[in-house]
PDB file of N, CA and C in Angstrom:
ATOM      1  N   MET A   1       0.847  -1.183   0.000  1.00  0.00           N
ATOM      2  CA  MET A   1       0.000   0.000   0.000  1.00  0.00           C
ATOM      3  C   MET A   1       0.892   1.245   0.000  1.00  0.00           C
ATOM      4  N   ILE A   2       0.642   2.139  -0.938  1.00  0.00           N
ATOM      5  CA  ILE A   2       1.415   3.378  -1.046  1.00  0.00           C
ATOM      6  C   ILE A   2       0.978   4.325   0.065  1.00  0.00           C
ATOM      7  N   GLU A   3       1.937   5.007   0.656  1.00  0.00           N
ATOM      8  CA  GLU A   3       1.628   5.929   1.745  1.00  0.00           C
ATOM      9  C   GLU A   3       2.109   7.325   1.397  1.00  0.00           C
ATOM     10  N   SER A   4       1.291   8.323   1.691  1.00  0.00           N
ATOM     11  CA  SER A   4       1.688   9.712   1.549  1.00  0.00           C
ATOM     12  C   SER A   4       1.354  10.462   2.824  1.00  0.00           C
ATOM     13  N   LYS A   5       1.779  11.713   2.853  1.00  0.00           N
ATOM     14  CA  LYS A   5       1.611  12.520   4.054  1.00  0.00           C
ATOM     15  C   LYS A   5       1.201  13.924   3.661  1.00  0.00           C
ATOM     16  N   ILE A   6       0.273  14.504   4.441  1.00  0.00           N
ATOM     17  CA  ILE A   6      -0.059  15.912   4.280  1.00  0.00           C
ATOM     18  C   ILE A   6      -0.041  16.581   5.647  1.00  0.00           C
ATOM     19  N   ASN A   7       0.242  17.852   5.629  1.00  0.00           N
ATOM     20  CA  ASN A   7       0.118  18.701   6.804  1.00  0.00           C
ATOM     21  C   ASN A   7      -1.020  19.663   6.478  1.00  0.00           C
ATOM     22  N   VAL A   8      -2.095  19.614   7.247  1.00  0.00           N
ATOM     23  CA  VAL A   8      -3.281  20.404   6.924  1.00  0.00           C
ATOM     24  C   VAL A   8      -2.936  21.884   6.822  1.00  0.00           C
ATOM     25  N   ALA A   9      -2.185  22.408   7.781  1.00  0.00           N
ATOM     26  CA  ALA A   9      -1.855  23.839   7.785  1.00  0.00           C
ATOM     27  C   ALA A   9      -1.032  24.235   6.567  1.00  0.00           C
ATOM     28  N   ARG A  10      -0.112  23.412   6.178  1.00  0.00           N
ATOM     29  CA  ARG A  10       0.780  23.729   5.050  1.00  0.00           C
ATOM     30  C   ARG A  10       0.137  23.407   3.694  1.00  0.00           C
ATOM     31  N   ASP A  11      -0.524  22.263   3.607  1.00  0.00           N
ATOM     32  CA  ASP A  11      -0.995  21.765   2.317  1.00  0.00           C
ATOM     33  C   ASP A  11      -2.456  22.085   2.013  1.00  0.00           C
ATOM     34  N   PHE A  12      -3.180  22.611   2.996  1.00  0.00           N
ATOM     35  CA  PHE A  12      -4.595  22.918   2.781  1.00  0.00           C
ATOM     36  C   PHE A  12      -4.924  24.332   3.252  1.00  0.00           C
ATOM     37  N   SER A  13      -4.955  24.551   4.563  1.00  0.00           N
ATOM     38  CA  SER A  13      -5.269  25.881   5.094  1.00  0.00           C
ATOM     39  C   SER A  13      -4.921  25.945   6.574  1.00  0.00           C
ATOM     40  N   LYS A  14      -4.432  27.102   7.005  1.00  0.00           N
ATOM     41  CA  LYS A  14      -4.234  27.327   8.445  1.00  0.00           C
ATOM     42  C   LYS A  14      -5.561  27.600   9.135  1.00  0.00           C
ATOM     43  N   TYR A  15      -6.600  27.855   8.328  1.00  0.00           N
ATOM     44  CA  TYR A  15      -7.913  28.215   8.861  1.00  0.00           C
ATOM     45  C   TYR A  15      -9.010  27.303   8.298  1.00  0.00           C
ATOM     46  N   PRO A  16      -8.935  25.999   8.540  1.00  0.00           N
ATOM     47  CA  PRO A  16      -9.979  25.106   8.028  1.00  0.00           C
ATOM     48  C   PRO A  16     -11.300  25.391   8.744  1.00  0.00           C
ATOM     49  N   ALA A  17     -12.337  25.652   7.956  1.00  0.00           N
ATOM     50  CA  ALA A  17     -13.617  26.021   8.573  1.00  0.00           C
ATOM     51  C   ALA A  17     -14.756  25.795   7.603  1.00  0.00           C
ATOM     52  N   GLY A  18     -15.898  25.532   8.175  1.00  0.00           N
ATOM     53  CA  GLY A  18     -17.113  25.374   7.395  1.00  0.00           C
ATOM     54  C   GLY A  18     -17.339  23.934   6.987  1.00  0.00           C
ATOM     55  N   ARG A  19     -18.582  23.649   6.683  1.00  0.00           N
ATOM     56  CA  ARG A  19     -18.979  22.298   6.301  1.00  0.00           C
ATOM     57  C   ARG A  19     -18.959  22.124   4.788  1.00  0.00           C
ATOM     58  N   TYR A  20     -19.642  23.019   4.070  1.00  0.00           N
ATOM     59  CA  TYR A  20     -19.879  22.848   2.636  1.00  0.00           C
ATOM     60  C   TYR A  20     -19.032  23.786   1.785  1.00  0.00           C
ATOM     61  N   LEU A  21     -18.935  23.487   0.497  1.00  0.00           N
ATOM     62  CA  LEU A  21     -18.190  24.331  -0.441  1.00  0.00           C
ATOM     63  C   LEU A  21     -18.661  25.775  -0.373  1.00  0.00           C
ATOM     64  N   ALA A  22     -19.955  25.987  -0.194  1.00  0.00           N
ATOM     65  CA  ALA A  22     -20.510  27.338  -0.117  1.00  0.00           C
ATOM     66  C   ALA A  22     -20.009  28.105   1.107  1.00  0.00           C
ATOM     67  N   ASP A  23     -19.456  27.391   2.085  1.00  0.00           N
ATOM     68  CA  ASP A  23     -18.958  28.030   3.304  1.00  0.00           C
ATOM     69  C   ASP A  23     -17.563  28.615   3.136  1.00  0.00           C
ATOM     70  N   GLY A  24     -16.918  28.349   2.024  1.00  0.00           N
ATOM     71  CA  GLY A  24     -15.606  28.925   1.778  1.00  0.00           C
ATOM     72  C   GLY A  24     -14.617  27.920   1.241  1.00  0.00           C
ATOM     73  N   PRO A  25     -13.439  28.409   0.875  1.00  0.00           N
ATOM     74  CA  PRO A  25     -12.448  27.569   0.200  1.00  0.00           C
ATOM     75  C   PRO A  25     -11.732  26.562   1.100  1.00  0.00           C
ATOM     76  N   ALA A  26     -11.958  26.617   2.403  1.00  0.00           N
ATOM     77  CA  ALA A  26     -11.289  25.688   3.315  1.00  0.00           C
ATOM     78  C   ALA A  26     -12.307  24.842   4.071  1.00  0.00           C
ATOM     79  N   SER A  27     -13.373  24.450   3.369  1.00  0.00           N
ATOM     80  CA  SER A  27     -14.459  23.697   4.001  1.00  0.00           C
ATOM     81  C   SER A  27     -14.104  22.215   4.152  1.00  0.00           C
ATOM     82  N   GLY A  28     -14.838  21.555   5.019  1.00  0.00           N
ATOM     83  CA  GLY A  28     -14.672  20.121   5.200  1.00  0.00           C
ATOM     84  C   GLY A  28     -14.994  19.342   3.943  1.00  0.00           C
ATOM     85  N   GLN A  29     -16.013  19.778   3.199  1.00  0.00           N
ATOM     86  CA  GLN A  29     -16.365  19.107   1.956  1.00  0.00           C
ATOM     87  C   GLN A  29     -15.219  19.188   0.949  1.00  0.00           C
ATOM     88  N   PHE A  30     -14.604  20.361   0.834  1.00  0.00           N
ATOM     89  CA  PHE A  30     -13.496  20.513  -0.107  1.00  0.00           C
ATOM     90  C   PHE A  30     -12.304  19.661   0.324  1.00  0.00           C
ATOM     91  N   PHE A  31     -11.983  19.635   1.614  1.00  0.00           N
ATOM     92  CA  PHE A  31     -10.887  18.808   2.130  1.00  0.00           C
ATOM     93  C   PHE A  31     -11.141  17.337   1.812  1.00  0.00           C
ATOM     94  N   ARG A  32     -12.377  16.895   2.051  1.00  0.00           N
ATOM     95  CA  ARG A  32     -12.736  15.500   1.774  1.00  0.00           C
ATOM     96  C   ARG A  32     -12.562  15.190   0.289  1.00  0.00           C
ATOM     97  N   GLU A  33     -13.069  16.075  -0.572  1.00  0.00           N
ATOM     98  CA  GLU A  33     -12.996  15.828  -2.010  1.00  0.00           C
ATOM     99  C   GLU A  33     -11.570  15.911  -2.544  1.00  0.00           C
ATOM    100  N   LYS A  34     -10.758  16.773  -1.958  1.00  0.00           N
ATOM    101  CA  LYS A  34      -9.385  16.965  -2.450  1.00  0.00           C
ATOM    102  C   LYS A  34      -8.426  15.886  -1.952  1.00  0.00           C
ATOM    103  N   PHE A  35      -8.566  15.474  -0.694  1.00  0.00           N
ATOM    104  CA  PHE A  35      -7.597  14.557  -0.095  1.00  0.00           C
ATOM    105  C   PHE A  35      -8.156  13.186   0.265  1.00  0.00           C
ATOM    106  N   LEU A  36      -9.287  13.161   0.947  1.00  0.00           N
ATOM    107  CA  LEU A  36      -9.746  11.898   1.529  1.00  0.00           C
ATOM    108  C   LEU A  36     -10.311  10.925   0.497  1.00  0.00           C
ATOM    109  N   ILE A  37     -11.242  11.370  -0.321  1.00  0.00           N
ATOM    110  CA  ILE A  37     -11.886  10.477  -1.278  1.00  0.00           C
ATOM    111  C   ILE A  37     -10.878   9.926  -2.296  1.00  0.00           C
ATOM    112  N   PRO A  38     -10.006  10.759  -2.883  1.00  0.00           N
ATOM    113  CA  PRO A  38      -9.026  10.181  -3.816  1.00  0.00           C
ATOM    114  C   PRO A  38      -8.125   9.123  -3.162  1.00  0.00           C
ATOM    115  N   THR A  39      -7.761   9.339  -1.915  1.00  0.00           N
ATOM    116  CA  THR A  39      -6.933   8.369  -1.205  1.00  0.00           C
ATOM    117  C   THR A  39      -7.701   7.069  -0.990  1.00  0.00           C
ATOM    118  N   LEU A  40      -8.950   7.183  -0.572  1.00  0.00           N
ATOM    119  CA  LEU A  40      -9.770   5.991  -0.357  1.00  0.00           C
ATOM    120  C   LEU A  40      -9.986   5.227  -1.665  1.00  0.00           C
ATOM    121  N   LYS A  41     -10.274   5.926  -2.734  1.00  0.00           N
ATOM    122  CA  LYS A  41     -10.509   5.265  -4.029  1.00  0.00           C
ATOM    123  C   LYS A  41      -9.258   4.570  -4.542  1.00  0.00           C
ATOM    124  N   ALA A  42      -8.092   5.136  -4.248  1.00  0.00           N
ATOM    125  CA  ALA A  42      -6.834   4.561  -4.714  1.00  0.00           C
ATOM    126  C   ALA A  42      -6.306   3.481  -3.776  1.00  0.00           C
ATOM    127  N   ALA A  43      -6.999   3.235  -2.665  1.00  0.00           N
ATOM    128  CA  ALA A  43      -6.570   2.253  -1.667  1.00  0.00           C
ATOM    129  C   ALA A  43      -5.150   2.521  -1.195  1.00  0.00           C
ATOM    130  N   LYS A  44      -4.871   3.771  -0.909  1.00  0.00           N
ATOM    131  CA  LYS A  44      -3.573   4.183  -0.368  1.00  0.00           C
ATOM    132  C   LYS A  44      -3.730   4.461   1.114  1.00  0.00           C
ATOM    133  N   LYS A  45      -2.623   4.751   1.757  1.00  0.00           N
ATOM    134  CA  LYS A  45      -2.632   5.225   3.137  1.00  0.00           C
ATOM    135  C   LYS A  45      -2.226   6.685   3.118  1.00  0.00           C
ATOM    136  N   LEU A  46      -2.791   7.475   4.037  1.00  0.00           N
ATOM    137  CA  LEU A  46      -2.467   8.888   4.123  1.00  0.00           C
ATOM    138  C   LEU A  46      -2.269   9.270   5.576  1.00  0.00           C
ATOM    139  N   THR A  47      -1.092   9.801   5.881  1.00  0.00           N
ATOM    140  CA  THR A  47      -0.834  10.348   7.206  1.00  0.00           C
ATOM    141  C   THR A  47      -1.238  11.814   7.170  1.00  0.00           C
ATOM    142  N   ILE A  48      -2.087  12.200   8.103  1.00  0.00           N
ATOM    143  CA  ILE A  48      -2.590  13.569   8.156  1.00  0.00           C
ATOM    144  C   ILE A  48      -2.069  14.222   9.424  1.00  0.00           C
ATOM    145  N   GLU A  49      -1.194  15.209   9.253  1.00  0.00           N
ATOM    146  CA  GLU A  49      -0.673  15.990  10.377  1.00  0.00           C
ATOM    147  C   GLU A  49      -1.647  17.127  10.635  1.00  0.00           C
ATOM    148  N   LEU A  50      -2.264  17.116  11.796  1.00  0.00           N
ATOM    149  CA  LEU A  50      -3.330  18.056  12.117  1.00  0.00           C
ATOM    150  C   LEU A  50      -2.848  19.332  12.795  1.00  0.00           C
ATOM    151  N   ASP A  51      -1.669  19.329  13.383  1.00  0.00           N
ATOM    152  CA  ASP A  51      -1.178  20.486  14.139  1.00  0.00           C
ATOM    153  C   ASP A  51      -0.785  21.626  13.200  1.00  0.00           C
ATOM    154  N   GLY A  52      -0.829  22.846  13.720  1.00  0.00           N
ATOM    155  CA  GLY A  52      -0.381  24.009  12.967  1.00  0.00           C
ATOM    156  C   GLY A  52      -1.492  24.908  12.462  1.00  0.00           C
ATOM    157  N   THR A  53      -2.743  24.422  12.549  1.00  0.00           N
ATOM    158  CA  THR A  53      -3.855  25.276  12.128  1.00  0.00           C
ATOM    159  C   THR A  53      -4.268  26.170  13.291  1.00  0.00           C
ATOM    160  N   ARG A  54      -5.181  27.083  13.021  1.00  0.00           N
ATOM    161  CA  ARG A  54      -5.723  27.952  14.066  1.00  0.00           C
ATOM    162  C   ARG A  54      -6.904  27.314  14.776  1.00  0.00           C
ATOM    163  N   GLY A  55      -7.088  26.025  14.548  1.00  0.00           N
ATOM    164  CA  GLY A  55      -8.172  25.287  15.181  1.00  0.00           C
ATOM    165  C   GLY A  55      -9.066  24.641  14.142  1.00  0.00           C
ATOM    166  N   TYR A  56      -9.993  23.819  14.615  1.00  0.00           N
ATOM    167  CA  TYR A  56     -10.929  23.103  13.748  1.00  0.00           C
ATOM    168  C   TYR A  56     -12.333  23.243  14.297  1.00  0.00           C
ATOM    169  N   GLY A  57     -13.256  23.585  13.429  1.00  0.00           N
ATOM    170  CA  GLY A  57     -14.656  23.558  13.809  1.00  0.00           C
ATOM    171  C   GLY A  57     -15.191  22.155  13.681  1.00  0.00           C
ATOM    172  N   SER A  58     -16.168  21.830  14.503  1.00  0.00           N
ATOM    173  CA  SER A  58     -16.748  20.487  14.433  1.00  0.00           C
ATOM    174  C   SER A  58     -17.409  20.242  13.084  1.00  0.00           C
ATOM    175  N   SER A  59     -17.977  21.281  12.476  1.00  0.00           N
ATOM    176  CA  SER A  59     -18.627  21.084  11.174  1.00  0.00           C
ATOM    177  C   SER A  59     -17.607  20.703  10.103  1.00  0.00           C
ATOM    178  N   PHE A  60     -16.416  21.311  10.156  1.00  0.00           N
ATOM    179  CA  PHE A  60     -15.348  20.953   9.214  1.00  0.00           C
ATOM    180  C   PHE A  60     -14.960  19.490   9.388  1.00  0.00           C
ATOM    181  N   LEU A  61     -14.667  19.096  10.624  1.00  0.00           N
ATOM    182  CA  LEU A  61     -14.197  17.738  10.893  1.00  0.00           C
ATOM    183  C   LEU A  61     -15.254  16.695  10.566  1.00  0.00           C
ATOM    184  N   GLU A  62     -16.494  16.965  10.948  1.00  0.00           N
ATOM    185  CA  GLU A  62     -17.552  15.993  10.702  1.00  0.00           C
ATOM    186  C   GLU A  62     -17.795  15.829   9.207  1.00  0.00           C
ATOM    187  N   GLU A  63     -17.828  16.930   8.477  1.00  0.00           N
ATOM    188  CA  GLU A  63     -18.085  16.843   7.045  1.00  0.00           C
ATOM    189  C   GLU A  63     -16.937  16.142   6.323  1.00  0.00           C
ATOM    190  N   ALA A  64     -15.710  16.442   6.712  1.00  0.00           N
ATOM    191  CA  ALA A  64     -14.558  15.812   6.059  1.00  0.00           C
ATOM    192  C   ALA A  64     -14.516  14.317   6.338  1.00  0.00           C
ATOM    193  N   PHE A  65     -14.496  13.951   7.592  1.00  0.00           N
ATOM    194  CA  PHE A  65     -14.260  12.554   7.967  1.00  0.00           C
ATOM    195  C   PHE A  65     -15.544  11.726   8.043  1.00  0.00           C
ATOM    196  N   GLY A  66     -16.580  12.247   8.692  1.00  0.00           N
ATOM    197  CA  GLY A  66     -17.864  11.563   8.699  1.00  0.00           C
ATOM    198  C   GLY A  66     -18.441  11.493   7.297  1.00  0.00           C
ATOM    199  N   GLY A  67     -18.187  12.538   6.524  1.00  0.00           N
ATOM    200  CA  GLY A  67     -18.666  12.575   5.143  1.00  0.00           C
ATOM    201  C   GLY A  67     -18.065  11.480   4.282  1.00  0.00           C
ATOM    202  N   ALA A  68     -16.854  11.064   4.593  1.00  0.00           N
ATOM    203  CA  ALA A  68     -16.233   9.971   3.840  1.00  0.00           C
ATOM    204  C   ALA A  68     -17.026   8.683   4.015  1.00  0.00           C
ATOM    205  N   VAL A  69     -17.566   8.481   5.201  1.00  0.00           N
ATOM    206  CA  VAL A  69     -18.400   7.299   5.452  1.00  0.00           C
ATOM    207  C   VAL A  69     -19.713   7.441   4.682  1.00  0.00           C
ATOM    208  N   ARG A  70     -20.294   8.640   4.690  1.00  0.00           N
ATOM    209  CA  ARG A  70     -21.542   8.852   3.950  1.00  0.00           C
ATOM    210  C   ARG A  70     -21.346   8.717   2.439  1.00  0.00           C
ATOM    211  N   GLU A  71     -20.106   8.860   1.988  1.00  0.00           N
ATOM    212  CA  GLU A  71     -19.799   8.674   0.563  1.00  0.00           C
ATOM    213  C   GLU A  71     -19.751   7.182   0.194  1.00  0.00           C
ATOM    214  N   GLY A  72     -19.895   6.303   1.191  1.00  0.00           N
ATOM    215  CA  GLY A  72     -19.981   4.883   0.905  1.00  0.00           C
ATOM    216  C   GLY A  72     -18.805   4.037   1.371  1.00  0.00           C
ATOM    217  N   PHE A  73     -17.853   4.647   2.044  1.00  0.00           N
ATOM    218  CA  PHE A  73     -16.701   3.895   2.550  1.00  0.00           C
ATOM    219  C   PHE A  73     -16.981   3.446   3.980  1.00  0.00           C
ATOM    220  N   ALA A  74     -16.693   2.201   4.278  1.00  0.00           N
ATOM    221  CA  ALA A  74     -16.924   1.661   5.622  1.00  0.00           C
ATOM    222  C   ALA A  74     -16.050   2.372   6.641  1.00  0.00           C
ATOM    223  N   ALA A  75     -16.606   2.575   7.823  1.00  0.00           N
ATOM    224  CA  ALA A  75     -15.874   3.266   8.890  1.00  0.00           C
ATOM    225  C   ALA A  75     -14.526   2.601   9.169  1.00  0.00           C
ATOM    226  N   ASP A  76     -14.478   1.277   9.170  1.00  0.00           N
ATOM    227  CA  ASP A  76     -13.225   0.564   9.433  1.00  0.00           C
ATOM    228  C   ASP A  76     -12.178   0.878   8.364  1.00  0.00           C
ATOM    229  N   ILE A  77     -12.613   0.955   7.114  1.00  0.00           N
ATOM    230  CA  ILE A  77     -11.683   1.278   6.022  1.00  0.00           C
ATOM    231  C   ILE A  77     -11.169   2.704   6.177  1.00  0.00           C
ATOM    232  N   VAL A  78     -12.057   3.632   6.500  1.00  0.00           N
ATOM    233  CA  VAL A  78     -11.645   5.032   6.684  1.00  0.00           C
ATOM    234  C   VAL A  78     -10.624   5.132   7.823  1.00  0.00           C
ATOM    235  N   LYS A  79     -10.896   4.464   8.937  1.00  0.00           N
ATOM    236  CA  LYS A  79      -9.961   4.510  10.076  1.00  0.00           C
ATOM    237  C   LYS A  79      -8.612   3.894   9.730  1.00  0.00           C
ATOM    238  N   GLN A  80      -8.602   2.830   8.936  1.00  0.00           N
ATOM    239  CA  GLN A  80      -7.347   2.176   8.562  1.00  0.00           C
ATOM    240  C   GLN A  80      -6.563   2.983   7.529  1.00  0.00           C
ATOM    241  N   THR A  81      -7.258   3.738   6.719  1.00  0.00           N
ATOM    242  CA  THR A  81      -6.619   4.475   5.631  1.00  0.00           C
ATOM    243  C   THR A  81      -5.884   5.707   6.122  1.00  0.00           C
ATOM    244  N   PHE A  82      -6.440   6.379   7.122  1.00  0.00           N
ATOM    245  CA  PHE A  82      -5.874   7.652   7.574  1.00  0.00           C
ATOM    246  C   PHE A  82      -5.202   7.511   8.922  1.00  0.00           C
ATOM    247  N   VAL A  83      -3.924   7.895   8.955  1.00  0.00           N
ATOM    248  CA  VAL A  83      -3.157   7.943  10.196  1.00  0.00           C
ATOM    249  C   VAL A  83      -3.196   9.392  10.655  1.00  0.00           C
ATOM    250  N   LEU A  84      -3.831   9.637  11.798  1.00  0.00           N
ATOM    251  CA  LEU A  84      -4.015  10.991  12.300  1.00  0.00           C
ATOM    252  C   LEU A  84      -2.933  11.322  13.314  1.00  0.00           C
ATOM    253  N   ILE A  85      -2.214  12.412  13.067  1.00  0.00           N
ATOM    254  CA  ILE A  85      -1.116  12.823  13.936  1.00  0.00           C
ATOM    255  C   ILE A  85      -1.447  14.182  14.540  1.00  0.00           C
ATOM    256  N   SER A  86      -1.418  14.264  15.873  1.00  0.00           N
ATOM    257  CA  SER A  86      -1.642  15.536  16.553  1.00  0.00           C
ATOM    258  C   SER A  86      -1.108  15.450  17.978  1.00  0.00           C
ATOM    259  N   ASP A  87      -0.635  16.576  18.471  1.00  0.00           N
ATOM    260  CA  ASP A  87      -0.263  16.660  19.879  1.00  0.00           C
ATOM    261  C   ASP A  87      -1.499  16.650  20.765  1.00  0.00           C
ATOM    262  N   ASP A  88      -2.646  16.948  20.176  1.00  0.00           N
ATOM    263  CA  ASP A  88      -3.916  17.001  20.897  1.00  0.00           C
ATOM    264  C   ASP A  88      -4.691  15.703  20.637  1.00  0.00           C
ATOM    265  N   GLN A  89      -4.557  14.749  21.527  1.00  0.00           N
ATOM    266  CA  GLN A  89      -5.204  13.449  21.340  1.00  0.00           C
ATOM    267  C   GLN A  89      -6.730  13.556  21.349  1.00  0.00           C
ATOM    268  N   SER A  90      -7.273  14.578  22.011  1.00  0.00           N
ATOM    269  CA  SER A  90      -8.729  14.738  22.002  1.00  0.00           C
ATOM    270  C   SER A  90      -9.224  15.072  20.588  1.00  0.00           C
ATOM    271  N   LEU A  91      -8.416  15.743  19.792  1.00  0.00           N
ATOM    272  CA  LEU A  91      -8.761  16.035  18.401  1.00  0.00           C
ATOM    273  C   LEU A  91      -8.820  14.740  17.595  1.00  0.00           C
ATOM    274  N   VAL A  92      -7.845  13.891  17.790  1.00  0.00           N
ATOM    275  CA  VAL A  92      -7.820  12.597  17.091  1.00  0.00           C
ATOM    276  C   VAL A  92      -9.046  11.773  17.488  1.00  0.00           C
ATOM    277  N   GLU A  93      -9.381  11.750  18.761  1.00  0.00           N
ATOM    278  CA  GLU A  93     -10.545  10.991  19.226  1.00  0.00           C
ATOM    279  C   GLU A  93     -11.843  11.574  18.672  1.00  0.00           C
ATOM    280  N   GLU A  94     -11.924  12.899  18.579  1.00  0.00           N
ATOM    281  CA  GLU A  94     -13.107  13.541  18.010  1.00  0.00           C
ATOM    282  C   GLU A  94     -13.304  13.099  16.552  1.00  0.00           C
ATOM    283  N   ILE A  95     -12.221  13.084  15.794  1.00  0.00           N
ATOM    284  CA  ILE A  95     -12.304  12.669  14.390  1.00  0.00           C
ATOM    285  C   ILE A  95     -12.722  11.201  14.291  1.00  0.00           C
ATOM    286  N   ARG A  96     -12.153  10.357  15.122  1.00  0.00           N
ATOM    287  CA  ARG A  96     -12.525   8.929  15.102  1.00  0.00           C
ATOM    288  C   ARG A  96     -14.004   8.744  15.430  1.00  0.00           C
ATOM    289  N   ASP A  97     -14.513   9.580  16.330  1.00  0.00           N
ATOM    290  CA  ASP A  97     -15.930   9.519  16.668  1.00  0.00           C
ATOM    291  C   ASP A  97     -16.785   9.921  15.464  1.00  0.00           C
ATOM    292  N   TYR A  98     -16.375  10.940  14.736  1.00  0.00           N
ATOM    293  CA  TYR A  98     -17.115  11.340  13.530  1.00  0.00           C
ATOM    294  C   TYR A  98     -17.088  10.229  12.476  1.00  0.00           C
ATOM    295  N   ILE A  99     -15.982   9.534  12.386  1.00  0.00           N
ATOM    296  CA  ILE A  99     -15.899   8.415  11.438  1.00  0.00           C
ATOM    297  C   ILE A  99     -16.867   7.304  11.871  1.00  0.00           C
ATOM    298  N   GLU A 100     -16.866   6.986  13.143  1.00  0.00           N
ATOM    299  CA  GLU A 100     -17.744   5.931  13.656  1.00  0.00           C
ATOM    300  C   GLU A 100     -19.214   6.240  13.426  1.00  0.00           C
ATOM    301  N   HIS A 101     -19.556   7.522  13.530  1.00  0.00           N
ATOM    302  CA  HIS A 101     -20.960   7.929  13.415  1.00  0.00           C
ATOM    303  C   HIS A 101     -21.217   8.684  12.113  1.00  0.00           C
ATOM    304  N   GLY A 102     -20.417   8.384  11.084  1.00  0.00           N
ATOM    305  CA  GLY A 102     -20.464   9.117   9.828  1.00  0.00           C
ATOM    306  C   GLY A 102     -21.789   9.081   9.113  1.00  0.00           C
ATOM    307  N   SER A 103     -22.574   8.060   9.341  1.00  0.00           N
ATOM    308  CA  SER A 103     -23.854   7.994   8.641  1.00  0.00           C
ATOM    309  C   SER A 103     -24.921   8.832   9.339  1.00  0.00           C
ATOM    310  N   ASP A 104     -24.572   9.419  10.473  1.00  0.00           N
ATOM    311  CA  ASP A 104     -25.543  10.206  11.252  1.00  0.00           C
ATOM    312  C   ASP A 104     -24.898  11.533  11.644  1.00  0.00           C
ATOM    313  N   PRO A 105     -24.880  12.557  10.744  1.00  0.00           N
ATOM    314  CA  PRO A 105     -24.144  13.777  11.015  1.00  0.00           C
ATOM    315  C   PRO A 105     -24.702  14.634  12.130  1.00  0.00           C
ATOM    316  N   GLU A 106     -25.933  14.485  12.492  1.00  0.00           N
ATOM    317  CA  GLU A 106     -26.513  15.383  13.502  1.00  0.00           C
ATOM    318  C   GLU A 106     -26.576  14.745  14.856  1.00  0.00           C
TER     319      GLU A 106
END
């Protein structure tokens, strides 16, 4: 399995925010479409470095990661595909929770 790495702050935005494309250029939907879905479709692994941003809104995280499950990928596959790196373990746990409950965004 091919592995790549991204740093959200460097490779996407220091200000990730919003759920949908209409919410701005650093939305969770755009992050999912740009990074997560292509990785899942290619059956690759992706290490995601989460530190360095000005924070994450729950709508961004839920749409990006929970949205991957709603796109038809099993939660177990999503969890295995993405290696989440952060000094803030509560952030990693929050994302894993969104993946687990991806079919139920509210």
